[in-house]
Amino acid sequence: MYNFSVASFSPLRYWNVFGPGPMAETPSDFKDYRAFGPWKTPSSKQFGQQESVCGQTLNRCSNCS
């Protein structure tokens, strides 16, 4: 059994991407998030993957540091 009281102190980053490339991005907001366990809101979201930006392949996320 998992102890959620320990995990609840960790920020939650989630992803929702339809596939690689800019045409497969989802909106960068958190409107698609569904609360589970102790996490009522996320801290960041990955909304794009394998995108080319200035010659580099990146994943895109909001509120990531």
C-alpha atoms as a PDB file:
ATOM      1  CA  MET A   1       0.000   0.000   0.000  1.00  0.00           C
ATOM      2  CA  TYR A   2       1.300   3.459  -0.898  1.00  0.00           C
ATOM      3  CA  ASN A   3       1.649   6.248   1.681  1.00  0.00           C
ATOM      4  CA  PHE A   4       0.100   9.337   0.043  1.00  0.00           C
ATOM      5  CA  SER A   5       0.926  11.546   3.045  1.00  0.00           C
ATOM      6  CA  VAL A   6       4.594  11.524   1.994  1.00  0.00           C
ATOM      7  CA  ALA A   7       3.873  12.102  -1.706  1.00  0.00           C
ATOM      8  CA  SER A   8       1.444  14.966  -1.053  1.00  0.00           C
ATOM      9  CA  PHE A   9       4.380  17.273  -0.282  1.00  0.00           C
ATOM     10  CA  SER A  10       5.766  16.746  -3.785  1.00  0.00           C
ATOM     11  CA  PRO A  11       4.732  19.078  -6.617  1.00  0.00           C
ATOM     12  CA  LEU A  12       2.858  17.291  -9.378  1.00  0.00           C
ATOM     13  CA  ARG A  13       3.838  17.574 -13.036  1.00  0.00           C
ATOM     14  CA  TYR A  14       1.535  15.821 -15.462  1.00  0.00           C
ATOM     15  CA  TRP A  15       1.444  15.500 -19.242  1.00  0.00           C
ATOM     16  CA  ASN A  16      -1.260  15.427 -21.859  1.00  0.00           C
ATOM     17  CA  VAL A  17       0.088  15.203 -25.403  1.00  0.00           C
ATOM     18  CA  PHE A  18      -1.539  13.696 -28.509  1.00  0.00           C
ATOM     19  CA  GLY A  19       1.813  12.715 -30.046  1.00  0.00           C
ATOM     20  CA  PRO A  20       5.117  14.193 -31.232  1.00  0.00           C
ATOM     21  CA  GLY A  21       5.396  17.564 -32.944  1.00  0.00           C
ATOM     22  CA  PRO A  22       3.657  20.930 -32.652  1.00  0.00           C
ATOM     23  CA  MET A  23       0.414  19.742 -34.297  1.00  0.00           C
ATOM     24  CA  ALA A  24      -0.082  17.263 -31.432  1.00  0.00           C
ATOM     25  CA  GLU A  25       0.081  19.830 -28.612  1.00  0.00           C
ATOM     26  CA  THR A  26      -2.755  20.201 -26.146  1.00  0.00           C
ATOM     27  CA  PRO A  27      -3.625  23.587 -24.592  1.00  0.00           C
ATOM     28  CA  SER A  28      -0.994  24.725 -22.091  1.00  0.00           C
ATOM     29  CA  ASP A  29      -3.590  25.426 -19.381  1.00  0.00           C
ATOM     30  CA  PHE A  30      -4.636  22.985 -16.638  1.00  0.00           C
ATOM     31  CA  LYS A  31      -8.289  22.631 -17.705  1.00  0.00           C
ATOM     32  CA  ASP A  32      -7.773  18.940 -18.596  1.00  0.00           C
ATOM     33  CA  TYR A  33      -6.381  18.013 -15.158  1.00  0.00           C
ATOM     34  CA  ARG A  34      -8.355  15.608 -12.952  1.00  0.00           C
ATOM     35  CA  ALA A  35      -7.562  15.594  -9.242  1.00  0.00           C
ATOM     36  CA  PHE A  36      -6.451  12.298  -7.688  1.00  0.00           C
ATOM     37  CA  GLY A  37      -5.055  11.225  -4.335  1.00  0.00           C
ATOM     38  CA  PRO A  38      -3.860  14.260  -2.364  1.00  0.00           C
ATOM     39  CA  TRP A  39      -3.179  16.385  -5.494  1.00  0.00           C
ATOM     40  CA  LYS A  40      -5.987  18.877  -6.015  1.00  0.00           C
ATOM     41  CA  THR A  41      -4.007  21.010  -8.493  1.00  0.00           C
ATOM     42  CA  PRO A  42      -0.837  20.371 -10.501  1.00  0.00           C
ATOM     43  CA  SER A  43       2.277  22.524 -10.437  1.00  0.00           C
ATOM     44  CA  SER A  44       3.202  22.077 -14.128  1.00  0.00           C
ATOM     45  CA  LYS A  45       2.084  20.385 -17.324  1.00  0.00           C
ATOM     46  CA  GLN A  46       3.876  18.968 -20.359  1.00  0.00           C
ATOM     47  CA  PHE A  47       1.743  19.851 -23.381  1.00  0.00           C
ATOM     48  CA  GLY A  48       4.151  19.182 -26.271  1.00  0.00           C
ATOM     49  CA  GLN A  49       6.842  16.639 -27.075  1.00  0.00           C
ATOM     50  CA  GLN A  50       9.655  16.171 -29.569  1.00  0.00           C
ATOM     51  CA  GLU A  51       9.383  19.692 -31.002  1.00  0.00           C
ATOM     52  CA  SER A  52      12.212  21.393 -32.838  1.00  0.00           C
ATOM     53  CA  VAL A  53      13.074  24.828 -31.395  1.00  0.00           C
ATOM     54  CA  CYS A  54      16.207  26.597 -32.676  1.00  0.00           C
ATOM     55  CA  GLY A  55      17.670  23.295 -33.878  1.00  0.00           C
ATOM     56  CA  GLN A  56      17.067  21.486 -30.572  1.00  0.00           C
ATOM     57  CA  THR A  57      14.451  18.803 -29.903  1.00  0.00           C
ATOM     58  CA  LEU A  58      12.445  19.706 -26.815  1.00  0.00           C
ATOM     59  CA  ASN A  59       9.388  18.850 -24.798  1.00  0.00           C
ATOM     60  CA  ARG A  60       7.230  21.874 -23.988  1.00  0.00           C
ATOM     61  CA  CYS A  61       5.668  22.469 -20.602  1.00  0.00           C
ATOM     62  CA  SER A  62       4.003  25.253 -18.659  1.00  0.00           C
ATOM     63  CA  ASN A  63       5.249  26.406 -15.250  1.00  0.00           C
ATOM     64  CA  CYS A  64       8.379  24.244 -15.534  1.00  0.00           C
ATOM     65  CA  SER A  65      11.581  25.502 -14.028  1.00  0.00           C
END
